Amino acid sequence: MQFIDLFAWVVLLVVIATLVAVFVALGMMPGRIARRRGHPWAEAVAIGGWATLMFGFVFWPLVLIWAYVDAPTRREAGE
């Protein structure tokens, strides 16, 4: 093998590793944001982030928005 062939393999491996890292970071992002903000359904947001990435990425921005939305608190009967 020539040097250029080895260089091409190294570049290919770096690109694949970068794509995997970006995919994992995007999958974890909504859940981490929801947990940090104290979202009441943080686990559901985390699962939604991974599920939408696995099944086509279309609803991932909605899950990211959901991570930032604060759920209204329930009012007690006496208030």
PDB file of N, CA and C in Angstrom:
ATOM      1  N   MET A   1       0.836  -1.193   0.000  1.00  0.00           N
ATOM      2  CA  MET A   1       0.000   0.000   0.000  1.00  0.00           C
ATOM      3  C   MET A   1       0.873   1.245   0.000  1.00  0.00           C
ATOM      4  N   GLN A   2       0.433   2.205  -0.715  1.00  0.00           N
ATOM      5  CA  GLN A   2       1.154   3.465  -0.755  1.00  0.00           C
ATOM      6  C   GLN A   2       0.700   4.355   0.393  1.00  0.00           C
ATOM      7  N   PHE A   3       1.434   5.433   0.571  1.00  0.00           N
ATOM      8  CA  PHE A   3       1.109   6.373   1.636  1.00  0.00           C
ATOM      9  C   PHE A   3      -0.283   6.963   1.453  1.00  0.00           C
ATOM     10  N   ILE A   4      -0.644   7.265   0.225  1.00  0.00           N
ATOM     11  CA  ILE A   4      -1.947   7.887  -0.030  1.00  0.00           C
ATOM     12  C   ILE A   4      -3.093   6.951   0.337  1.00  0.00           C
ATOM     13  N   ASP A   5      -2.904   5.657   0.180  1.00  0.00           N
ATOM     14  CA  ASP A   5      -3.928   4.690   0.569  1.00  0.00           C
ATOM     15  C   ASP A   5      -4.104   4.661   2.084  1.00  0.00           C
ATOM     16  N   LEU A   6      -2.998   4.649   2.794  1.00  0.00           N
ATOM     17  CA  LEU A   6      -3.071   4.675   4.261  1.00  0.00           C
ATOM     18  C   LEU A   6      -3.704   5.971   4.751  1.00  0.00           C
ATOM     19  N   PHE A   7      -3.334   7.072   4.127  1.00  0.00           N
ATOM     20  CA  PHE A   7      -3.908   8.363   4.495  1.00  0.00           C
ATOM     21  C   PHE A   7      -5.418   8.371   4.253  1.00  0.00           C
ATOM     22  N   ALA A   8      -5.866   7.788   3.155  1.00  0.00           N
ATOM     23  CA  ALA A   8      -7.298   7.724   2.852  1.00  0.00           C
ATOM     24  C   ALA A   8      -8.041   6.898   3.904  1.00  0.00           C
ATOM     25  N   TRP A   9      -7.442   5.781   4.339  1.00  0.00           N
ATOM     26  CA  TRP A   9      -8.077   4.972   5.382  1.00  0.00           C
ATOM     27  C   TRP A   9      -8.164   5.728   6.700  1.00  0.00           C
ATOM     28  N   VAL A  10      -7.117   6.452   7.042  1.00  0.00           N
ATOM     29  CA  VAL A  10      -7.126   7.239   8.282  1.00  0.00           C
ATOM     30  C   VAL A  10      -8.204   8.314   8.218  1.00  0.00           C
ATOM     31  N   VAL A  11      -8.292   8.986   7.097  1.00  0.00           N
ATOM     32  CA  VAL A  11      -9.321  10.022   6.932  1.00  0.00           C
ATOM     33  C   VAL A  11     -10.714   9.402   7.031  1.00  0.00           C
ATOM     34  N   LEU A  12     -10.923   8.262   6.414  1.00  0.00           N
ATOM     35  CA  LEU A  12     -12.217   7.590   6.476  1.00  0.00           C
ATOM     36  C   LEU A  12     -12.583   7.224   7.916  1.00  0.00           C
ATOM     37  N   LEU A  13     -11.627   6.696   8.666  1.00  0.00           N
ATOM     38  CA  LEU A  13     -11.894   6.339  10.062  1.00  0.00           C
ATOM     39  C   LEU A  13     -12.195   7.566  10.916  1.00  0.00           C
ATOM     40  N   VAL A  14     -11.500   8.667  10.662  1.00  0.00           N
ATOM     41  CA  VAL A  14     -11.758   9.903  11.405  1.00  0.00           C
ATOM     42  C   VAL A  14     -13.149  10.431  11.089  1.00  0.00           C
ATOM     43  N   VAL A  15     -13.544  10.387   9.832  1.00  0.00           N
ATOM     44  CA  VAL A  15     -14.879  10.849   9.441  1.00  0.00           C
ATOM     45  C   VAL A  15     -15.958   9.983  10.079  1.00  0.00           C
ATOM     46  N   ILE A  16     -15.785   8.681  10.088  1.00  0.00           N
ATOM     47  CA  ILE A  16     -16.770   7.788  10.702  1.00  0.00           C
ATOM     48  C   ILE A  16     -16.857   8.027  12.200  1.00  0.00           C
ATOM     49  N   ALA A  17     -15.716   8.192  12.859  1.00  0.00           N
ATOM     50  CA  ALA A  17     -15.711   8.453  14.296  1.00  0.00           C
ATOM     51  C   ALA A  17     -16.390   9.786  14.613  1.00  0.00           C
ATOM     52  N   THR A  18     -16.169  10.782  13.778  1.00  0.00           N
ATOM     53  CA  THR A  18     -16.809  12.083  13.976  1.00  0.00           C
ATOM     54  C   THR A  18     -18.318  11.984  13.804  1.00  0.00           C
ATOM     55  N   LEU A  19     -18.774  11.258  12.807  1.00  0.00           N
ATOM     56  CA  LEU A  19     -20.218  11.091  12.601  1.00  0.00           C
ATOM     57  C   LEU A  19     -20.869  10.363  13.772  1.00  0.00           C
ATOM     58  N   VAL A  20     -20.215   9.349  14.287  1.00  0.00           N
ATOM     59  CA  VAL A  20     -20.751   8.631  15.442  1.00  0.00           C
ATOM     60  C   VAL A  20     -20.800   9.549  16.655  1.00  0.00           C
ATOM     61  N   ALA A  21     -19.763  10.336  16.876  1.00  0.00           N
ATOM     62  CA  ALA A  21     -19.736  11.255  18.008  1.00  0.00           C
ATOM     63  C   ALA A  21     -20.831  12.313  17.903  1.00  0.00           C
ATOM     64  N   VAL A  22     -21.056  12.839  16.711  1.00  0.00           N
ATOM     65  CA  VAL A  22     -22.122  13.829  16.512  1.00  0.00           C
ATOM     66  C   VAL A  22     -23.485  13.198  16.749  1.00  0.00           C
ATOM     67  N   PHE A  23     -23.692  11.973  16.271  1.00  0.00           N
ATOM     68  CA  PHE A  23     -24.957  11.276  16.464  1.00  0.00           C
ATOM     69  C   PHE A  23     -25.234  11.067  17.954  1.00  0.00           C
ATOM     70  N   VAL A  24     -24.225  10.641  18.700  1.00  0.00           N
ATOM     71  CA  VAL A  24     -24.395  10.417  20.140  1.00  0.00           C
ATOM     72  C   VAL A  24     -24.650  11.746  20.856  1.00  0.00           C
ATOM     73  N   ALA A  25     -23.931  12.789  20.484  1.00  0.00           N
ATOM     74  CA  ALA A  25     -24.130  14.090  21.120  1.00  0.00           C
ATOM     75  C   ALA A  25     -25.544  14.626  20.862  1.00  0.00           C
ATOM     76  N   LEU A  26     -26.038  14.474  19.644  1.00  0.00           N
ATOM     77  CA  LEU A  26     -27.397  14.921  19.332  1.00  0.00           C
ATOM     78  C   LEU A  26     -28.443  14.088  20.069  1.00  0.00           C
ATOM     79  N   GLY A  27     -28.190  12.803  20.233  1.00  0.00           N
ATOM     80  CA  GLY A  27     -29.132  11.958  20.959  1.00  0.00           C
ATOM     81  C   GLY A  27     -29.204  12.304  22.432  1.00  0.00           C
ATOM     82  N   MET A  28     -28.093  12.690  23.024  1.00  0.00           N
ATOM     83  CA  MET A  28     -28.057  13.003  24.450  1.00  0.00           C
ATOM     84  C   MET A  28     -28.513  14.428  24.769  1.00  0.00           C
ATOM     85  N   MET A  29     -28.449  15.320  23.805  1.00  0.00           N
ATOM     86  CA  MET A  29     -28.678  16.734  24.068  1.00  0.00           C
ATOM     87  C   MET A  29     -30.040  17.063  24.693  1.00  0.00           C
ATOM     88  N   PRO A  30     -31.179  16.628  24.132  1.00  0.00           N
ATOM     89  CA  PRO A  30     -32.462  17.012  24.740  1.00  0.00           C
ATOM     90  C   PRO A  30     -32.618  16.500  26.178  1.00  0.00           C
ATOM     91  N   GLY A  31     -32.183  15.290  26.442  1.00  0.00           N
ATOM     92  CA  GLY A  31     -32.296  14.743  27.785  1.00  0.00           C
ATOM     93  C   GLY A  31     -31.452  15.491  28.796  1.00  0.00           C
ATOM     94  N   ARG A  32     -30.244  15.851  28.414  1.00  0.00           N
ATOM     95  CA  ARG A  32     -29.377  16.597  29.324  1.00  0.00           C
ATOM     96  C   ARG A  32     -29.938  17.978  29.603  1.00  0.00           C
ATOM     97  N   ILE A  33     -30.463  18.625  28.577  1.00  0.00           N
ATOM     98  CA  ILE A  33     -31.050  19.954  28.772  1.00  0.00           C
ATOM     99  C   ILE A  33     -32.252  19.862  29.699  1.00  0.00           C
ATOM    100  N   ALA A  34     -33.102  18.860  29.487  1.00  0.00           N
ATOM    101  CA  ALA A  34     -34.305  18.703  30.309  1.00  0.00           C
ATOM    102  C   ALA A  34     -33.937  18.426  31.769  1.00  0.00           C
ATOM    103  N   ARG A  35     -32.955  17.563  31.998  1.00  0.00           N
ATOM    104  CA  ARG A  35     -32.539  17.264  33.380  1.00  0.00           C
ATOM    105  C   ARG A  35     -31.944  18.494  34.054  1.00  0.00           C
ATOM    106  N   ARG A  36     -31.127  19.232  33.329  1.00  0.00           N
ATOM    107  CA  ARG A  36     -30.492  20.426  33.892  1.00  0.00           C
ATOM    108  C   ARG A  36     -31.523  21.493  34.242  1.00  0.00           C
ATOM    109  N   ARG A  37     -32.586  21.591  33.458  1.00  0.00           N
ATOM    110  CA  ARG A  37     -33.618  22.594  33.717  1.00  0.00           C
ATOM    111  C   ARG A  37     -34.681  22.109  34.692  1.00  0.00           C
ATOM    112  N   GLY A  38     -34.590  20.861  35.146  1.00  0.00           N
ATOM    113  CA  GLY A  38     -35.563  20.341  36.100  1.00  0.00           C
ATOM    114  C   GLY A  38     -36.909  20.035  35.481  1.00  0.00           C
ATOM    115  N   HIS A  39     -36.904  19.603  34.255  1.00  0.00           N
ATOM    116  CA  HIS A  39     -38.151  19.286  33.551  1.00  0.00           C
ATOM    117  C   HIS A  39     -38.828  18.094  34.223  1.00  0.00           C
ATOM    118  N   PRO A  40     -40.154  18.157  34.437  1.00  0.00           N
ATOM    119  CA  PRO A  40     -40.828  17.045  35.114  1.00  0.00           C
ATOM    120  C   PRO A  40     -40.837  15.747  34.301  1.00  0.00           C
ATOM    121  N   TRP A  41     -40.698  15.827  32.993  1.00  0.00           N
ATOM    122  CA  TRP A  41     -40.689  14.635  32.150  1.00  0.00           C
ATOM    123  C   TRP A  41     -39.336  14.499  31.462  1.00  0.00           C
ATOM    124  N   ALA A  42     -38.279  14.671  32.210  1.00  0.00           N
ATOM    125  CA  ALA A  42     -36.930  14.657  31.631  1.00  0.00           C
ATOM    126  C   ALA A  42     -36.598  13.310  31.004  1.00  0.00           C
ATOM    127  N   GLU A  43     -37.040  12.233  31.633  1.00  0.00           N
ATOM    128  CA  GLU A  43     -36.747  10.906  31.077  1.00  0.00           C
ATOM    129  C   GLU A  43     -37.472  10.697  29.748  1.00  0.00           C
ATOM    130  N   ALA A  44     -38.692  11.180  29.652  1.00  0.00           N
ATOM    131  CA  ALA A  44     -39.438  11.073  28.393  1.00  0.00           C
ATOM    132  C   ALA A  44     -38.781  11.907  27.295  1.00  0.00           C
ATOM    133  N   VAL A  45     -38.265  13.059  27.656  1.00  0.00           N
ATOM    134  CA  VAL A  45     -37.563  13.888  26.678  1.00  0.00           C
ATOM    135  C   VAL A  45     -36.309  13.174  26.193  1.00  0.00           C
ATOM    136  N   ALA A  46     -35.584  12.535  27.118  1.00  0.00           N
ATOM    137  CA  ALA A  46     -34.370  11.808  26.744  1.00  0.00           C
ATOM    138  C   ALA A  46     -34.688  10.651  25.801  1.00  0.00           C
ATOM    139  N   ILE A  47     -35.713   9.906  26.117  1.00  0.00           N
ATOM    140  CA  ILE A  47     -36.109   8.795  25.246  1.00  0.00           C
ATOM    141  C   ILE A  47     -36.594   9.324  23.901  1.00  0.00           C
ATOM    142  N   GLY A  48     -37.328  10.411  23.917  1.00  0.00           N
ATOM    143  CA  GLY A  48     -37.787  11.016  22.668  1.00  0.00           C
ATOM    144  C   GLY A  48     -36.635  11.482  21.793  1.00  0.00           C
ATOM    145  N   GLY A  49     -35.596  12.017  22.409  1.00  0.00           N
ATOM    146  CA  GLY A  49     -34.427  12.448  21.642  1.00  0.00           C
ATOM    147  C   GLY A  49     -33.759  11.299  20.922  1.00  0.00           C
ATOM    148  N   TRP A  50     -33.575  10.173  21.626  1.00  0.00           N
ATOM    149  CA  TRP A  50     -32.951   9.010  20.987  1.00  0.00           C
ATOM    150  C   TRP A  50     -33.883   8.372  19.962  1.00  0.00           C
ATOM    151  N   ALA A  51     -35.176   8.261  20.287  1.00  0.00           N
ATOM    152  CA  ALA A  51     -36.113   7.598  19.374  1.00  0.00           C
ATOM    153  C   ALA A  51     -36.244   8.366  18.062  1.00  0.00           C
ATOM    154  N   THR A  52     -36.307   9.691  18.139  1.00  0.00           N
ATOM    155  CA  THR A  52     -36.455  10.449  16.906  1.00  0.00           C
ATOM    156  C   THR A  52     -35.195  10.391  16.054  1.00  0.00           C
ATOM    157  N   LEU A  53     -34.024  10.306  16.676  1.00  0.00           N
ATOM    158  CA  LEU A  53     -32.814  10.152  15.878  1.00  0.00           C
ATOM    159  C   LEU A  53     -32.759   8.788  15.210  1.00  0.00           C
ATOM    160  N   MET A  54     -33.210   7.761  15.911  1.00  0.00           N
ATOM    161  CA  MET A  54     -33.180   6.416  15.340  1.00  0.00           C
ATOM    162  C   MET A  54     -34.168   6.257  14.180  1.00  0.00           C
ATOM    163  N   PHE A  55     -35.270   6.990  14.240  1.00  0.00           N
ATOM    164  CA  PHE A  55     -36.326   6.797  13.241  1.00  0.00           C
ATOM    165  C   PHE A  55     -36.489   7.978  12.301  1.00  0.00           C
ATOM    166  N   GLY A  56     -35.414   8.674  11.998  1.00  0.00           N
ATOM    167  CA  GLY A  56     -35.488   9.614  10.901  1.00  0.00           C
ATOM    168  C   GLY A  56     -35.262  11.068  11.181  1.00  0.00           C
ATOM    169  N   PHE A  57     -35.015  11.496  12.403  1.00  0.00           N
ATOM    170  CA  PHE A  57     -34.607  12.852  12.722  1.00  0.00           C
ATOM    171  C   PHE A  57     -35.686  13.916  12.509  1.00  0.00           C
ATOM    172  N   VAL A  58     -36.847  13.561  12.008  1.00  0.00           N
ATOM    173  CA  VAL A  58     -37.836  14.576  11.647  1.00  0.00           C
ATOM    174  C   VAL A  58     -38.360  15.317  12.867  1.00  0.00           C
ATOM    175  N   PHE A  59     -38.678  14.608  13.946  1.00  0.00           N
ATOM    176  CA  PHE A  59     -39.257  15.252  15.119  1.00  0.00           C
ATOM    177  C   PHE A  59     -38.224  15.634  16.171  1.00  0.00           C
ATOM    178  N   TRP A  60     -36.943  15.461  15.895  1.00  0.00           N
ATOM    179  CA  TRP A  60     -35.913  15.799  16.871  1.00  0.00           C
ATOM    180  C   TRP A  60     -35.957  17.266  17.287  1.00  0.00           C
ATOM    181  N   PRO A  61     -36.162  18.222  16.358  1.00  0.00           N
ATOM    182  CA  PRO A  61     -36.271  19.622  16.802  1.00  0.00           C
ATOM    183  C   PRO A  61     -37.450  19.848  17.760  1.00  0.00           C
ATOM    184  N   LEU A  62     -38.541  19.122  17.580  1.00  0.00           N
ATOM    185  CA  LEU A  62     -39.672  19.255  18.500  1.00  0.00           C
ATOM    186  C   LEU A  62     -39.316  18.749  19.894  1.00  0.00           C
ATOM    187  N   VAL A  63     -38.553  17.669  19.960  1.00  0.00           N
ATOM    188  CA  VAL A  63     -38.124  17.147  21.259  1.00  0.00           C
ATOM    189  C   VAL A  63     -37.163  18.130  21.916  1.00  0.00           C
ATOM    190  N   LEU A  64     -36.326  18.770  21.129  1.00  0.00           N
ATOM    191  CA  LEU A  64     -35.418  19.770  21.674  1.00  0.00           C
ATOM    192  C   LEU A  64     -36.203  20.959  22.238  1.00  0.00           C
ATOM    193  N   ILE A  65     -37.230  21.383  21.542  1.00  0.00           N
ATOM    194  CA  ILE A  65     -38.085  22.462  22.058  1.00  0.00           C
ATOM    195  C   ILE A  65     -38.792  22.007  23.331  1.00  0.00           C
ATOM    196  N   TRP A  66     -39.244  20.759  23.349  1.00  0.00           N
ATOM    197  CA  TRP A  66     -39.922  20.205  24.522  1.00  0.00           C
ATOM    198  C   TRP A  66     -39.001  20.224  25.738  1.00  0.00           C
ATOM    199  N   ALA A  67     -37.706  20.044  25.526  1.00  0.00           N
ATOM    200  CA  ALA A  67     -36.748  20.070  26.632  1.00  0.00           C
ATOM    201  C   ALA A  67     -36.686  21.453  27.277  1.00  0.00           C
ATOM    202  N   TYR A  68     -36.961  22.484  26.514  1.00  0.00           N
ATOM    203  CA  TYR A  68     -36.908  23.849  27.037  1.00  0.00           C
ATOM    204  C   TYR A  68     -38.243  24.333  27.605  1.00  0.00           C
ATOM    205  N   VAL A  69     -39.324  23.643  27.300  1.00  0.00           N
ATOM    206  CA  VAL A  69     -40.652  24.088  27.743  1.00  0.00           C
ATOM    207  C   VAL A  69     -40.858  23.670  29.195  1.00  0.00           C
ATOM    208  N   ASP A  70     -41.274  24.616  30.007  1.00  0.00           N
ATOM    209  CA  ASP A  70     -41.584  24.312  31.398  1.00  0.00           C
ATOM    210  C   ASP A  70     -43.046  23.915  31.497  1.00  0.00           C
ATOM    211  N   ALA A  71     -43.301  22.827  32.194  1.00  0.00           N
ATOM    212  CA  ALA A  71     -44.675  22.365  32.370  1.00  0.00           C
ATOM    213  C   ALA A  71     -45.346  23.227  33.435  1.00  0.00           C
ATOM    214  N   PRO A  72     -46.599  23.574  33.232  1.00  0.00           N
ATOM    215  CA  PRO A  72     -47.289  24.371  34.259  1.00  0.00           C
ATOM    216  C   PRO A  72     -47.492  23.547  35.523  1.00  0.00           C
ATOM    217  N   THR A  73     -47.393  24.198  36.653  1.00  0.00           N
ATOM    218  CA  THR A  73     -47.612  23.505  37.920  1.00  0.00           C
ATOM    219  C   THR A  73     -49.104  23.449  38.216  1.00  0.00           C
ATOM    220  N   ARG A  74     -49.496  22.396  38.905  1.00  0.00           N
ATOM    221  CA  ARG A  74     -50.923  22.252  39.251  1.00  0.00           C
ATOM    222  C   ARG A  74     -51.254  23.139  40.426  1.00  0.00           C
ATOM    223  N   ARG A  75     -52.413  23.736  40.376  1.00  0.00           N
ATOM    224  CA  ARG A  75     -52.858  24.575  41.480  1.00  0.00           C
ATOM    225  C   ARG A  75     -53.618  23.737  42.493  1.00  0.00           C
ATOM    226  N   GLU A  76     -53.413  24.045  43.718  1.00  0.00           N
ATOM    227  CA  GLU A  76     -54.150  23.367  44.792  1.00  0.00           C
ATOM    228  C   GLU A  76     -55.554  23.947  44.853  1.00  0.00           C
ATOM    229  N   ALA A  77     -56.463  23.207  45.474  1.00  0.00           N
ATOM    230  CA  ALA A  77     -57.866  23.628  45.559  1.00  0.00           C
ATOM    231  C   ALA A  77     -58.017  24.893  46.392  1.00  0.00           C
ATOM    232  N   GLY A  78     -57.153  25.107  47.372  1.00  0.00           N
ATOM    233  CA  GLY A  78     -57.278  26.248  48.268  1.00  0.00           C
ATOM    234  C   GLY A  78     -56.668  27.529  47.719  1.00  0.00           C
ATOM    235  N   GLU A  79     -55.970  27.474  46.641  1.00  0.00           N
ATOM    236  CA  GLU A  79     -55.307  28.687  46.145  1.00  0.00           C
ATOM    237  C   GLU A  79     -56.168  29.470  45.210  1.00  0.00           C
TER     238      GLU A  79
END
